[in-house]
Amino acid sequence: MKFFAKSITKVAGSVLLLCAGAAVASAQGDEDPAVPPADAFTPIERYGITYDKPRDIAEFYLQRFGLHRNDADTYEVKHPTDRSMRIMIVTADGLADDSVQAAQWRLGVKFSEGQWQAVEAGMRRKCARGENAGQWTKEVCP
């Protein structure tokens, strides 16, 4: 089954942990190694929906692919130049897909008028097989 070409219906039990628990750190540009640059992700649709908390935005994107917040780890940093923004890296590992080991989203979220909204959104995959197995890619896994 091609990941995200079809809907995911089941997730395996393991989760890749980028850090222990939730974190908010200050980033100096995108130099924080836990925050890959935006161009490492395939852009995905941003929706004009606002939320009370940034993590609710992560939950929305996970649900679009049949996942839930407890299926993934979220790492959050302050945006390097815009104090009203944060960058979230959401990683789900151990997916029930024979071609994809993990999926990762990079979400730029902005606070305005008491609500959070995704203003940047991208996704990448870690393939389970093929030439780039075990490496993050913007491409669809074989």
C-alpha atoms as a PDB file:
ATOM      1  CA  MET A   1       0.000   0.000   0.000  1.00  0.00           C
ATOM      2  CA  LYS A   2       1.376   3.440  -0.875  1.00  0.00           C
ATOM      3  CA  PHE A   3       1.401   5.688   2.189  1.00  0.00           C
ATOM      4  CA  PHE A   4      -0.872   8.676   1.788  1.00  0.00           C
ATOM      5  CA  ALA A   5      -1.899   7.538  -1.698  1.00  0.00           C
ATOM      6  CA  LYS A   6      -4.523   5.599   0.240  1.00  0.00           C
ATOM      7  CA  SER A   7      -5.878   6.325   3.687  1.00  0.00           C
ATOM      8  CA  ILE A   8      -4.132   4.739   6.656  1.00  0.00           C
ATOM      9  CA  THR A   9      -6.442   2.702   8.785  1.00  0.00           C
ATOM     10  CA  LYS A  10      -4.110   1.362  11.471  1.00  0.00           C
ATOM     11  CA  VAL A  11      -0.977   2.479  13.255  1.00  0.00           C
ATOM     12  CA  ALA A  12       1.563   0.230  14.939  1.00  0.00           C
ATOM     13  CA  GLY A  13       2.403   0.861  18.569  1.00  0.00           C
ATOM     14  CA  SER A  14       5.833   2.496  18.434  1.00  0.00           C
ATOM     15  CA  VAL A  15       6.488   6.210  18.281  1.00  0.00           C
ATOM     16  CA  LEU A  16       9.750   7.948  17.385  1.00  0.00           C
ATOM     17  CA  LEU A  17      10.729  10.289  20.177  1.00  0.00           C
ATOM     18  CA  LEU A  18      12.599  13.426  19.221  1.00  0.00           C
ATOM     19  CA  CYS A  19      12.713  14.565  22.822  1.00  0.00           C
ATOM     20  CA  ALA A  20      11.289  13.505  26.138  1.00  0.00           C
ATOM     21  CA  GLY A  21       7.836  15.040  26.352  1.00  0.00           C
ATOM     22  CA  ALA A  22       6.719  18.310  24.883  1.00  0.00           C
ATOM     23  CA  ALA A  23       9.314  20.995  24.428  1.00  0.00           C
ATOM     24  CA  VAL A  24       9.396  24.640  23.531  1.00  0.00           C
ATOM     25  CA  ALA A  25      12.839  25.942  22.754  1.00  0.00           C
ATOM     26  CA  SER A  26      14.285  29.006  21.162  1.00  0.00           C
ATOM     27  CA  ALA A  27      15.659  28.381  17.681  1.00  0.00           C
ATOM     28  CA  GLN A  28      18.427  30.350  16.077  1.00  0.00           C
ATOM     29  CA  GLY A  29      17.164  30.125  12.510  1.00  0.00           C
ATOM     30  CA  ASP A  30      16.530  26.578  11.414  1.00  0.00           C
ATOM     31  CA  GLU A  31      19.931  25.537  12.780  1.00  0.00           C
ATOM     32  CA  ASP A  32      18.344  23.474  15.560  1.00  0.00           C
ATOM     33  CA  PRO A  33      19.061  19.899  14.367  1.00  0.00           C
ATOM     34  CA  ALA A  34      15.603  18.790  15.544  1.00  0.00           C
ATOM     35  CA  VAL A  35      14.030  21.325  13.164  1.00  0.00           C
ATOM     36  CA  PRO A  36      14.667  20.386   9.541  1.00  0.00           C
ATOM     37  CA  PRO A  37      14.417  23.254   7.033  1.00  0.00           C
ATOM     38  CA  ALA A  38      11.113  23.888   5.260  1.00  0.00           C
ATOM     39  CA  ASP A  39      12.569  22.829   1.891  1.00  0.00           C
ATOM     40  CA  ALA A  40      13.105  19.281   3.260  1.00  0.00           C
ATOM     41  CA  PHE A  41       9.304  18.829   3.182  1.00  0.00           C
ATOM     42  CA  THR A  42       6.758  18.604   0.388  1.00  0.00           C
ATOM     43  CA  PRO A  43       4.290  21.472   0.805  1.00  0.00           C
ATOM     44  CA  ILE A  44       0.800  20.338   1.782  1.00  0.00           C
ATOM     45  CA  GLU A  45      -2.463  22.212   1.961  1.00  0.00           C
ATOM     46  CA  ARG A  46      -2.950  24.782   4.679  1.00  0.00           C
ATOM     47  CA  TYR A  47      -6.488  25.185   5.891  1.00  0.00           C
ATOM     48  CA  GLY A  48      -8.106  28.413   7.085  1.00  0.00           C
ATOM     49  CA  ILE A  49      -9.110  26.835  10.392  1.00  0.00           C
ATOM     50  CA  THR A  50      -8.128  28.408  13.709  1.00  0.00           C
ATOM     51  CA  TYR A  51      -7.493  26.609  17.003  1.00  0.00           C
ATOM     52  CA  ASP A  52      -7.056  27.469  20.674  1.00  0.00           C
ATOM     53  CA  LYS A  53      -3.730  25.599  20.954  1.00  0.00           C
ATOM     54  CA  PRO A  54      -0.934  24.843  18.450  1.00  0.00           C
ATOM     55  CA  ARG A  55      -1.123  21.112  19.297  1.00  0.00           C
ATOM     56  CA  ASP A  56      -4.727  21.083  18.046  1.00  0.00           C
ATOM     57  CA  ILE A  57      -3.356  21.974  14.602  1.00  0.00           C
ATOM     58  CA  ALA A  58      -0.992  18.987  14.771  1.00  0.00           C
ATOM     59  CA  GLU A  59      -3.944  16.784  15.729  1.00  0.00           C
ATOM     60  CA  PHE A  60      -5.888  18.055  12.704  1.00  0.00           C
ATOM     61  CA  TYR A  61      -3.093  17.110  10.274  1.00  0.00           C
ATOM     62  CA  LEU A  62      -2.588  13.715  11.917  1.00  0.00           C
ATOM     63  CA  GLN A  63      -6.313  12.963  11.653  1.00  0.00           C
ATOM     64  CA  ARG A  64      -6.217  13.773   7.937  1.00  0.00           C
ATOM     65  CA  PHE A  65      -4.009  10.665   7.627  1.00  0.00           C
ATOM     66  CA  GLY A  66      -5.841   8.409  10.059  1.00  0.00           C
ATOM     67  CA  LEU A  67      -3.523   9.125  13.002  1.00  0.00           C
ATOM     68  CA  HIS A  68      -4.010  10.651  16.441  1.00  0.00           C
ATOM     69  CA  ARG A  69      -1.916  12.893  18.682  1.00  0.00           C
ATOM     70  CA  ASN A  70      -0.808   9.944  20.837  1.00  0.00           C
ATOM     71  CA  ASP A  71       0.521   8.214  17.678  1.00  0.00           C
ATOM     72  CA  ALA A  72       3.165  10.911  17.237  1.00  0.00           C
ATOM     73  CA  ASP A  73       5.740  13.016  19.022  1.00  0.00           C
ATOM     74  CA  THR A  74       5.654  16.795  18.701  1.00  0.00           C
ATOM     75  CA  TYR A  75       8.631  19.100  19.036  1.00  0.00           C
ATOM     76  CA  GLU A  76       7.880  22.819  19.147  1.00  0.00           C
ATOM     77  CA  VAL A  77      10.245  25.799  18.834  1.00  0.00           C
ATOM     78  CA  LYS A  78       9.816  29.531  18.628  1.00  0.00           C
ATOM     79  CA  HIS A  79      10.078  30.964  15.132  1.00  0.00           C
ATOM     80  CA  PRO A  80      13.497  32.622  14.706  1.00  0.00           C
ATOM     81  CA  THR A  81      12.159  35.939  13.357  1.00  0.00           C
ATOM     82  CA  ASP A  82       8.418  36.160  14.123  1.00  0.00           C
ATOM     83  CA  ARG A  83       7.454  36.175  17.821  1.00  0.00           C
ATOM     84  CA  SER A  84       3.831  35.369  16.950  1.00  0.00           C
ATOM     85  CA  MET A  85       4.861  32.079  15.295  1.00  0.00           C
ATOM     86  CA  ARG A  86       6.074  28.650  16.305  1.00  0.00           C
ATOM     87  CA  ILE A  87       7.441  25.770  14.271  1.00  0.00           C
ATOM     88  CA  MET A  88       6.163  22.298  15.119  1.00  0.00           C
ATOM     89  CA  ILE A  89       7.787  19.051  14.009  1.00  0.00           C
ATOM     90  CA  VAL A  90       5.321  16.166  14.317  1.00  0.00           C
ATOM     91  CA  THR A  91       6.757  12.647  13.849  1.00  0.00           C
ATOM     92  CA  ALA A  92       4.837   9.360  13.659  1.00  0.00           C
ATOM     93  CA  ASP A  93       6.924   6.168  13.532  1.00  0.00           C
ATOM     94  CA  GLY A  94       6.058   2.476  13.255  1.00  0.00           C
ATOM     95  CA  LEU A  95       3.295   3.006  10.723  1.00  0.00           C
ATOM     96  CA  ALA A  96       1.183   0.092   9.521  1.00  0.00           C
ATOM     97  CA  ASP A  97       2.439   0.517   5.969  1.00  0.00           C
ATOM     98  CA  ASP A  98       4.881  -1.837   4.287  1.00  0.00           C
ATOM     99  CA  SER A  99       6.593   0.960   2.354  1.00  0.00           C
ATOM    100  CA  VAL A 100       6.821   3.739   4.967  1.00  0.00           C
ATOM    101  CA  GLN A 101       8.571   3.564   8.352  1.00  0.00           C
ATOM    102  CA  ALA A 102       7.622   7.048   9.507  1.00  0.00           C
ATOM    103  CA  ALA A 103       5.988  10.307   8.488  1.00  0.00           C
ATOM    104  CA  GLN A 104       6.896  13.783   9.614  1.00  0.00           C
ATOM    105  CA  TRP A 105       5.127  17.124   9.322  1.00  0.00           C
ATOM    106  CA  ARG A 106       6.628  20.599   9.686  1.00  0.00           C
ATOM    107  CA  LEU A 107       3.959  23.117  10.650  1.00  0.00           C
ATOM    108  CA  GLY A 108       4.505  26.853  10.931  1.00  0.00           C
ATOM    109  CA  VAL A 109       1.738  28.135  13.196  1.00  0.00           C
ATOM    110  CA  LYS A 110       0.857  31.771  13.850  1.00  0.00           C
ATOM    111  CA  PHE A 111      -0.974  33.349  16.772  1.00  0.00           C
ATOM    112  CA  SER A 112      -3.419  36.089  15.810  1.00  0.00           C
ATOM    113  CA  GLU A 113      -6.519  37.476  17.494  1.00  0.00           C
ATOM    114  CA  GLY A 114      -6.393  34.847  20.247  1.00  0.00           C
ATOM    115  CA  GLN A 115      -6.230  31.851  17.891  1.00  0.00           C
ATOM    116  CA  TRP A 116      -3.560  29.693  16.197  1.00  0.00           C
ATOM    117  CA  GLN A 117      -3.515  28.905  12.473  1.00  0.00           C
ATOM    118  CA  ALA A 118      -1.143  26.939  10.201  1.00  0.00           C
ATOM    119  CA  VAL A 119       0.549  29.344   7.795  1.00  0.00           C
ATOM    120  CA  GLU A 120       3.197  26.835   6.631  1.00  0.00           C
ATOM    121  CA  ALA A 121       2.705  23.080   6.222  1.00  0.00           C
ATOM    122  CA  GLY A 122       4.909  20.354   4.792  1.00  0.00           C
ATOM    123  CA  MET A 123       5.338  16.595   5.001  1.00  0.00           C
ATOM    124  CA  ARG A 124       8.049  14.006   4.373  1.00  0.00           C
ATOM    125  CA  ARG A 125       8.392  10.235   4.754  1.00  0.00           C
ATOM    126  CA  LYS A 126      11.016   7.717   5.841  1.00  0.00           C
ATOM    127  CA  CYS A 127      10.845   4.805   3.404  1.00  0.00           C
ATOM    128  CA  ALA A 128      11.052   1.196   4.599  1.00  0.00           C
ATOM    129  CA  ARG A 129      12.555  -0.098   1.357  1.00  0.00           C
ATOM    130  CA  GLY A 130      14.177   1.070  -1.811  1.00  0.00           C
ATOM    131  CA  GLU A 131      17.265   3.078  -2.583  1.00  0.00           C
ATOM    132  CA  ASN A 132      16.698   5.601   0.218  1.00  0.00           C
ATOM    133  CA  ALA A 133      15.401   3.196   2.893  1.00  0.00           C
ATOM    134  CA  GLY A 134      15.685   4.658   6.378  1.00  0.00           C
ATOM    135  CA  GLN A 135      16.212   8.218   5.125  1.00  0.00           C
ATOM    136  CA  TRP A 136      13.758  11.110   5.101  1.00  0.00           C
ATOM    137  CA  THR A 137      12.461  12.026   1.650  1.00  0.00           C
ATOM    138  CA  LYS A 138       9.900  14.307   0.042  1.00  0.00           C
ATOM    139  CA  GLU A 139       9.185  11.591  -2.503  1.00  0.00           C
ATOM    140  CA  VAL A 140       6.510   8.892  -2.340  1.00  0.00           C
ATOM    141  CA  CYS A 141       8.062   5.659  -1.053  1.00  0.00           C
ATOM    142  CA  PRO A 142       8.301   2.636  -3.392  1.00  0.00           C
END
